[in-house]
């Protein structure tokens, strides 16, 4: 399921990667998906959208693709 999630989010991840960030799937089942926004020293932090907006984007894409889940938990780093 992790690979399927990353595949669905690939176009969005490419945008994040252009700014030096990426999404990582830590856990995925039909109840909960836990993802983490991974940043590096060179990440454009001003380019990263707020956590609620990011969560909405991810949830929308996953639901459109038919991936079953109840809750998305998005872990953001301390900026």
N, C-alpha and C. Protein backbone atom coordinates (compact mmCIF):
# COMPACT_ATOMS: atom_id res chain seq x y z
N UNK A 1 0.82 -1.20 0.00
CA UNK A 1 0.00 0.00 0.00
C UNK A 1 0.87 1.27 0.00
N UNK A 2 2.02 1.22 0.66
CA UNK A 2 2.92 2.38 0.71
C UNK A 2 3.34 2.79 -0.70
N UNK A 3 3.69 1.80 -1.51
CA UNK A 3 4.13 2.09 -2.88
C UNK A 3 3.01 2.72 -3.70
N UNK A 4 1.79 2.22 -3.49
CA UNK A 4 0.63 2.76 -4.20
C UNK A 4 0.39 4.22 -3.82
N UNK A 5 0.53 4.53 -2.55
CA UNK A 5 0.35 5.91 -2.07
C UNK A 5 1.39 6.82 -2.71
N UNK A 6 2.64 6.39 -2.70
CA UNK A 6 3.70 7.21 -3.28
C UNK A 6 3.51 7.40 -4.78
N UNK A 7 3.00 6.38 -5.44
CA UNK A 7 2.74 6.47 -6.88
C UNK A 7 1.65 7.50 -7.16
N UNK A 8 0.58 7.47 -6.38
CA UNK A 8 -0.52 8.43 -6.54
C UNK A 8 -0.03 9.86 -6.32
N UNK A 9 0.84 10.02 -5.34
CA UNK A 9 1.32 11.35 -4.98
C UNK A 9 2.57 11.79 -5.75
N UNK A 10 3.03 10.99 -6.69
CA UNK A 10 4.26 11.28 -7.42
C UNK A 10 4.29 12.68 -8.05
N UNK A 11 3.25 13.11 -8.77
CA UNK A 11 3.32 14.47 -9.35
C UNK A 11 3.47 15.55 -8.28
N UNK A 12 2.78 15.39 -7.18
CA UNK A 12 2.87 16.34 -6.07
C UNK A 12 4.25 16.28 -5.42
N UNK A 13 4.78 15.07 -5.27
CA UNK A 13 6.11 14.88 -4.67
C UNK A 13 7.19 15.55 -5.53
N UNK A 14 7.03 15.51 -6.84
CA UNK A 14 8.03 16.14 -7.71
C UNK A 14 8.09 17.64 -7.45
N UNK A 15 6.95 18.25 -7.19
CA UNK A 15 6.92 19.67 -6.85
C UNK A 15 7.65 19.92 -5.54
N UNK A 16 7.40 19.08 -4.55
CA UNK A 16 8.08 19.21 -3.26
C UNK A 16 9.59 18.99 -3.43
N UNK A 17 9.96 18.01 -4.22
CA UNK A 17 11.37 17.69 -4.43
C UNK A 17 12.11 18.85 -5.09
N UNK A 18 11.41 19.60 -5.94
CA UNK A 18 12.03 20.76 -6.58
C UNK A 18 12.40 21.82 -5.54
N UNK A 19 11.70 21.82 -4.41
CA UNK A 19 12.00 22.76 -3.32
C UNK A 19 12.85 22.13 -2.23
N UNK A 20 13.33 20.90 -2.45
CA UNK A 20 14.21 20.24 -1.51
C UNK A 20 13.52 19.45 -0.41
N UNK A 21 12.24 19.15 -0.60
CA UNK A 21 11.48 18.38 0.40
C UNK A 21 10.93 17.11 -0.25
N UNK A 22 10.33 16.25 0.55
CA UNK A 22 9.69 15.05 0.02
C UNK A 22 8.69 14.52 1.05
N UNK A 23 7.85 13.61 0.61
CA UNK A 23 6.91 12.93 1.50
C UNK A 23 7.36 11.49 1.67
N UNK A 24 7.25 11.02 2.89
CA UNK A 24 7.61 9.64 3.22
C UNK A 24 6.40 8.99 3.89
N UNK A 25 6.09 7.76 3.51
CA UNK A 25 5.00 7.02 4.15
C UNK A 25 5.60 6.19 5.28
N UNK A 26 5.20 6.49 6.50
CA UNK A 26 5.71 5.76 7.67
C UNK A 26 4.84 4.55 8.00
N UNK A 27 3.54 4.68 7.78
CA UNK A 27 2.60 3.60 8.10
C UNK A 27 1.38 3.75 7.20
N UNK A 28 0.84 2.64 6.76
CA UNK A 28 -0.35 2.71 5.91
C UNK A 28 -1.17 1.45 6.07
N UNK A 29 -2.43 1.63 6.46
CA UNK A 29 -3.40 0.55 6.46
C UNK A 29 -4.77 1.17 6.16
N UNK A 30 -5.82 0.39 6.17
CA UNK A 30 -7.13 0.91 5.80
C UNK A 30 -7.72 1.85 6.84
N UNK A 31 -7.11 1.92 8.01
CA UNK A 31 -7.57 2.84 9.05
C UNK A 31 -6.79 4.16 9.01
N UNK A 32 -5.49 4.05 9.07
CA UNK A 32 -4.63 5.23 9.20
C UNK A 32 -3.47 5.20 8.21
N UNK A 33 -3.18 6.39 7.71
CA UNK A 33 -1.97 6.59 6.92
C UNK A 33 -1.16 7.65 7.66
N UNK A 34 0.08 7.33 7.95
CA UNK A 34 0.97 8.29 8.58
C UNK A 34 2.07 8.64 7.60
N UNK A 35 2.16 9.93 7.30
CA UNK A 35 3.16 10.42 6.37
C UNK A 35 3.97 11.50 7.05
N UNK A 36 5.17 11.69 6.53
CA UNK A 36 6.05 12.71 7.10
C UNK A 36 6.60 13.58 5.98
N UNK A 37 6.60 14.88 6.22
CA UNK A 37 7.26 15.81 5.31
C UNK A 37 8.72 15.85 5.72
N UNK A 38 9.58 15.46 4.80
CA UNK A 38 11.02 15.40 5.07
C UNK A 38 11.67 16.60 4.40
N UNK A 39 12.43 17.36 5.18
CA UNK A 39 13.14 18.52 4.65
C UNK A 39 14.63 18.36 4.88
N UNK A 40 15.40 19.09 4.10
CA UNK A 40 16.86 19.07 4.22
C UNK A 40 17.34 20.50 4.45
N UNK A 41 18.62 20.66 4.65
CA UNK A 41 19.19 22.00 4.87
C UNK A 41 18.89 22.94 3.71
N UNK A 42 18.85 22.41 2.49
CA UNK A 42 18.64 23.25 1.31
C UNK A 42 17.17 23.46 0.96
N UNK A 43 16.26 22.93 1.75
CA UNK A 43 14.83 23.06 1.48
C UNK A 43 14.39 24.52 1.57
N UNK A 44 13.61 24.94 0.60
CA UNK A 44 13.01 26.27 0.61
C UNK A 44 11.80 26.22 1.56
N UNK A 45 12.00 26.60 2.79
CA UNK A 45 10.93 26.51 3.78
C UNK A 45 9.79 27.48 3.48
N UNK A 46 10.08 28.60 2.84
CA UNK A 46 9.02 29.53 2.44
C UNK A 46 8.15 28.96 1.34
N UNK A 47 8.64 27.94 0.65
CA UNK A 47 7.91 27.32 -0.46
C UNK A 47 6.94 26.23 0.02
N UNK A 48 7.07 25.80 1.26
CA UNK A 48 6.25 24.71 1.79
C UNK A 48 4.94 25.29 2.32
N UNK A 49 3.83 24.73 1.87
CA UNK A 49 2.52 25.21 2.33
C UNK A 49 2.26 24.77 3.76
N UNK A 50 1.32 25.44 4.39
CA UNK A 50 0.95 25.12 5.76
C UNK A 50 0.43 23.70 5.88
N UNK A 51 0.62 23.11 7.03
CA UNK A 51 0.24 21.71 7.27
C UNK A 51 -1.22 21.42 6.93
N UNK A 52 -2.20 22.25 7.34
CA UNK A 52 -3.60 21.95 6.99
C UNK A 52 -3.84 21.90 5.48
N UNK A 53 -3.19 22.80 4.75
CA UNK A 53 -3.35 22.81 3.29
C UNK A 53 -2.72 21.56 2.69
N UNK A 54 -1.53 21.22 3.16
CA UNK A 54 -0.84 20.02 2.67
C UNK A 54 -1.69 18.78 2.95
N UNK A 55 -2.25 18.69 4.14
CA UNK A 55 -3.10 17.53 4.49
C UNK A 55 -4.30 17.44 3.56
N UNK A 56 -4.93 18.57 3.28
CA UNK A 56 -6.09 18.58 2.39
C UNK A 56 -5.72 18.12 0.98
N UNK A 57 -4.59 18.57 0.49
CA UNK A 57 -4.12 18.18 -0.85
C UNK A 57 -3.89 16.66 -0.90
N UNK A 58 -3.18 16.14 0.09
CA UNK A 58 -2.87 14.72 0.13
C UNK A 58 -4.14 13.89 0.25
N UNK A 59 -5.01 14.25 1.20
CA UNK A 59 -6.26 13.50 1.39
C UNK A 59 -7.09 13.50 0.12
N UNK A 60 -7.18 14.63 -0.55
CA UNK A 60 -7.96 14.72 -1.78
C UNK A 60 -7.42 13.79 -2.86
N UNK A 61 -6.11 13.78 -3.04
CA UNK A 61 -5.49 12.93 -4.05
C UNK A 61 -5.68 11.44 -3.73
N UNK A 62 -5.53 11.09 -2.47
CA UNK A 62 -5.69 9.68 -2.08
C UNK A 62 -7.14 9.22 -2.25
N UNK A 63 -8.09 10.06 -1.89
CA UNK A 63 -9.51 9.70 -2.04
C UNK A 63 -9.89 9.57 -3.51
N UNK A 64 -9.40 10.50 -4.35
CA UNK A 64 -9.67 10.42 -5.79
C UNK A 64 -9.16 9.12 -6.39
N UNK A 65 -8.05 8.64 -5.87
CA UNK A 65 -7.43 7.43 -6.42
C UNK A 65 -8.08 6.15 -5.88
N UNK A 66 -8.93 6.29 -4.87
CA UNK A 66 -9.62 5.12 -4.32
C UNK A 66 -8.85 4.38 -3.24
N UNK A 67 -7.79 4.96 -2.73
CA UNK A 67 -7.04 4.31 -1.65
C UNK A 67 -7.87 4.38 -0.37
N UNK A 68 -8.14 3.22 0.24
CA UNK A 68 -9.00 3.21 1.43
C UNK A 68 -8.23 3.62 2.70
N UNK A 69 -8.78 4.59 3.42
CA UNK A 69 -8.22 4.99 4.71
C UNK A 69 -9.25 5.81 5.46
N UNK A 70 -9.12 5.87 6.76
CA UNK A 70 -10.03 6.64 7.60
C UNK A 70 -9.42 7.98 8.00
N UNK A 71 -8.11 7.97 8.30
CA UNK A 71 -7.48 9.18 8.80
C UNK A 71 -6.06 9.31 8.25
N UNK A 72 -5.71 10.54 7.91
CA UNK A 72 -4.34 10.85 7.49
C UNK A 72 -3.66 11.59 8.63
N UNK A 73 -2.52 11.10 9.04
CA UNK A 73 -1.69 11.77 10.05
C UNK A 73 -0.45 12.29 9.34
N UNK A 74 -0.31 13.59 9.26
CA UNK A 74 0.83 14.19 8.58
C UNK A 74 1.76 14.79 9.62
N UNK A 75 2.99 14.33 9.61
CA UNK A 75 4.00 14.81 10.55
C UNK A 75 4.83 15.88 9.84
N UNK A 76 4.86 17.06 10.42
CA UNK A 76 5.64 18.17 9.89
C UNK A 76 6.86 18.41 10.76
N UNK A 77 7.98 18.78 10.17
CA UNK A 77 9.16 19.08 10.99
C UNK A 77 8.99 20.43 11.69
N UNK A 78 9.78 20.65 12.70
CA UNK A 78 9.80 21.96 13.37
C UNK A 78 10.55 22.91 12.46
N UNK A 79 9.92 24.02 12.12
CA UNK A 79 10.60 25.03 11.27
C UNK A 79 11.20 26.10 12.15
